[in-house]
Structure formats: C-alpha cells, structure tokens
Amino acid sequence: MNKTIAIIAITTGLVGTGAVMNMADETPAPEVTVVQINAKWNRYNTREDLENLEGCEYRFGWLEDQPEDLKSTIKSVPVVVIYDEGRPAFQYVAGISLELDTPFDTIQSQVWKEIND
C-alpha cells in the first residue's frame, strides 16, 4: 500500500478536531470533508482560511492529539486531505518550508471538483 494513501486512510479517525458537530442535527452529512492536521510547534503555519471553504465540512486537528499510528505516518505538516464520501480523494502537503503554499482557490476548486464528480 502506498504510504500516502495510508496516511490519508488513517486520518478518518481524527481526534481532537476543532470542528463543531451537532449529532442531533438531522442534516445529511456533507459529501466532501476537508481535514487539516498541523503540529502545535508549527501553529503559525496553520491555514485558518480553510474554515471558509464552501460546499464541504472542514475539520482541524493537532498532530500531537492524534493516535500514535497516525502520527508516525505524517512526515510533513500541515497536511490537508480532501475526502469524497469518506474516501481520500486529494492531499496537499507542506514542503520543506513547513508552510502549505497551495492557494485557497486551488483547494476550493478541488472541493467543487469532488462534489461534481
């Protein structure tokens, strides 16, 4: 199994998210979910603009709060994973700068693409 896919697949069990979820809400779950994981020591590079993504549910979690099996698979932070119907569809990973340089519009376009596919 490809390590990238392993990282993505494990993030579905995200712990310590900043997302607000109302289990009593009968609204159907969104088709697309965007998950960002960053390390507390790299907090200044957290993409706060992703909270403004449209057409999806956004979740955030600190790497330090994740299970050991997930932490051991993440090699660079922040990482942003787009899930389509619970399956990993696309991933953006920060480079050596530890900053995710992908423009907001690029991520939003990928969300719309997943919705429309």
Protein backbone atom coordinates (compact mmCIF):
# COMPACT_ATOMS: atom_id res chain seq x y z
CA MET A 1 0.00 0.00 0.00
CA ASN A 2 1.25 3.45 -0.87
CA LYS A 3 2.33 5.39 2.25
CA THR A 4 0.41 8.48 1.10
CA ILE A 5 -2.80 6.50 0.95
CA ALA A 6 -2.05 5.00 4.36
CA ILE A 7 -1.72 8.49 5.83
CA ILE A 8 -4.97 9.60 4.29
CA ALA A 9 -6.90 6.49 5.27
CA ILE A 10 -5.88 6.77 8.91
CA THR A 11 -6.98 10.42 9.21
CA THR A 12 -10.64 9.40 9.15
CA GLY A 13 -10.28 8.67 12.88
CA LEU A 14 -9.20 12.24 13.60
CA VAL A 15 -9.08 13.00 17.32
CA GLY A 16 -9.15 16.43 18.94
CA THR A 17 -10.67 18.24 15.99
CA GLY A 18 -11.67 21.84 16.14
CA ALA A 19 -14.82 21.12 14.17
CA VAL A 20 -18.17 21.69 15.80
CA MET A 21 -20.51 18.80 15.16
CA ASN A 22 -24.12 18.52 16.23
CA MET A 23 -25.08 14.85 16.32
CA ALA A 24 -28.72 15.77 16.93
CA ASP A 25 -28.81 17.70 13.64
CA GLU A 26 -30.67 15.70 11.03
CA THR A 27 -28.98 17.45 8.13
CA PRO A 28 -27.29 14.91 5.87
CA ALA A 29 -23.53 14.68 6.21
CA PRO A 30 -21.66 16.63 3.55
CA GLU A 31 -20.35 14.66 0.61
CA VAL A 32 -16.92 16.29 0.90
CA THR A 33 -14.85 16.78 4.07
CA VAL A 34 -11.57 18.69 4.28
CA VAL A 35 -9.21 17.76 7.12
CA GLN A 36 -6.15 19.77 8.12
CA ILE A 37 -3.57 18.40 10.55
CA ASN A 38 -0.75 20.56 11.86
CA ALA A 39 1.71 20.37 14.76
CA LYS A 40 1.43 22.74 17.71
CA TRP A 41 5.06 23.79 17.27
CA ASN A 42 4.13 24.85 13.70
CA ARG A 43 0.90 26.64 14.69
CA TYR A 44 1.89 29.82 12.87
CA ASN A 45 1.58 27.94 9.57
CA THR A 46 -1.96 26.67 10.20
CA ARG A 47 -4.24 27.59 7.31
CA GLU A 48 -7.09 29.42 9.03
CA ASP A 49 -8.61 30.44 5.70
CA LEU A 50 -9.73 26.85 5.09
CA GLU A 51 -12.60 27.41 7.52
CA ASN A 52 -14.13 29.48 4.70
CA LEU A 53 -14.25 26.63 2.18
CA GLU A 54 -17.71 26.21 0.66
CA GLY A 55 -19.59 23.01 -0.10
CA CYS A 56 -17.77 20.87 2.46
CA GLU A 57 -17.29 20.15 6.13
CA TYR A 58 -13.97 21.41 7.50
CA ARG A 59 -12.13 19.72 10.37
CA PHE A 60 -8.85 20.56 12.07
CA GLY A 61 -6.68 18.53 14.43
CA TRP A 62 -3.33 18.89 16.16
CA LEU A 63 -0.85 16.19 15.25
CA GLU A 64 0.08 15.77 18.91
CA ASP A 65 -3.52 14.82 19.74
CA GLN A 66 -3.73 12.05 17.13
CA PRO A 67 -3.21 8.33 17.72
CA GLU A 68 0.39 7.10 17.52
CA ASP A 69 -0.27 5.08 14.35
CA LEU A 70 -1.39 8.27 12.56
CA LYS A 71 1.40 10.45 13.95
CA SER A 72 4.03 8.01 12.75
CA THR A 73 2.80 8.23 9.15
CA ILE A 74 2.81 12.01 8.79
CA LYS A 75 6.17 13.26 7.58
CA SER A 76 5.37 16.93 6.98
CA VAL A 77 2.85 19.39 8.40
CA PRO A 78 0.49 20.91 7.73
CA VAL A 79 -1.28 18.30 5.64
CA VAL A 80 -4.72 18.86 4.10
CA VAL A 81 -6.77 15.91 2.91
CA ILE A 82 -9.98 16.13 0.89
CA TYR A 83 -12.38 13.23 1.41
CA ASP A 84 -15.18 12.44 -1.01
CA GLU A 85 -17.91 10.32 0.60
CA GLY A 86 -15.46 9.20 3.30
CA ARG A 87 -12.74 8.14 0.87
CA PRO A 88 -9.49 10.10 0.47
CA ALA A 89 -9.57 11.89 -2.86
CA PHE A 90 -6.81 14.51 -2.78
CA GLN A 91 -3.98 15.63 -0.49
CA TYR A 92 -1.87 18.75 -0.11
CA VAL A 93 1.32 18.56 1.98
CA ALA A 94 3.65 21.33 3.08
CA GLY A 95 7.17 21.24 1.77
CA ILE A 96 10.46 21.94 3.47
CA SER A 97 9.19 25.41 4.47
CA LEU A 98 6.56 23.71 6.73
CA GLU A 99 4.04 26.04 5.12
CA LEU A 100 1.23 24.95 2.80
CA ASP A 101 1.68 27.26 -0.20
CA THR A 102 -1.32 25.96 -2.15
CA PRO A 103 -3.66 28.89 -2.86
CA PHE A 104 -7.11 28.85 -1.25
CA ASP A 105 -8.77 28.99 -4.68
CA THR A 106 -6.93 25.83 -5.76
CA ILE A 107 -8.20 23.92 -2.73
CA GLN A 108 -11.73 25.31 -3.19
CA SER A 109 -11.65 24.27 -6.86
CA GLN A 110 -10.69 20.73 -5.86
CA VAL A 111 -13.59 20.63 -3.38
CA TRP A 112 -16.01 21.68 -6.17
CA LYS A 113 -14.46 19.09 -8.47
CA GLU A 114 -15.04 16.33 -5.91
CA ILE A 115 -18.64 17.46 -5.42
CA ASN A 116 -19.32 17.43 -9.16
CA ASP A 117 -17.58 14.13 -10.00
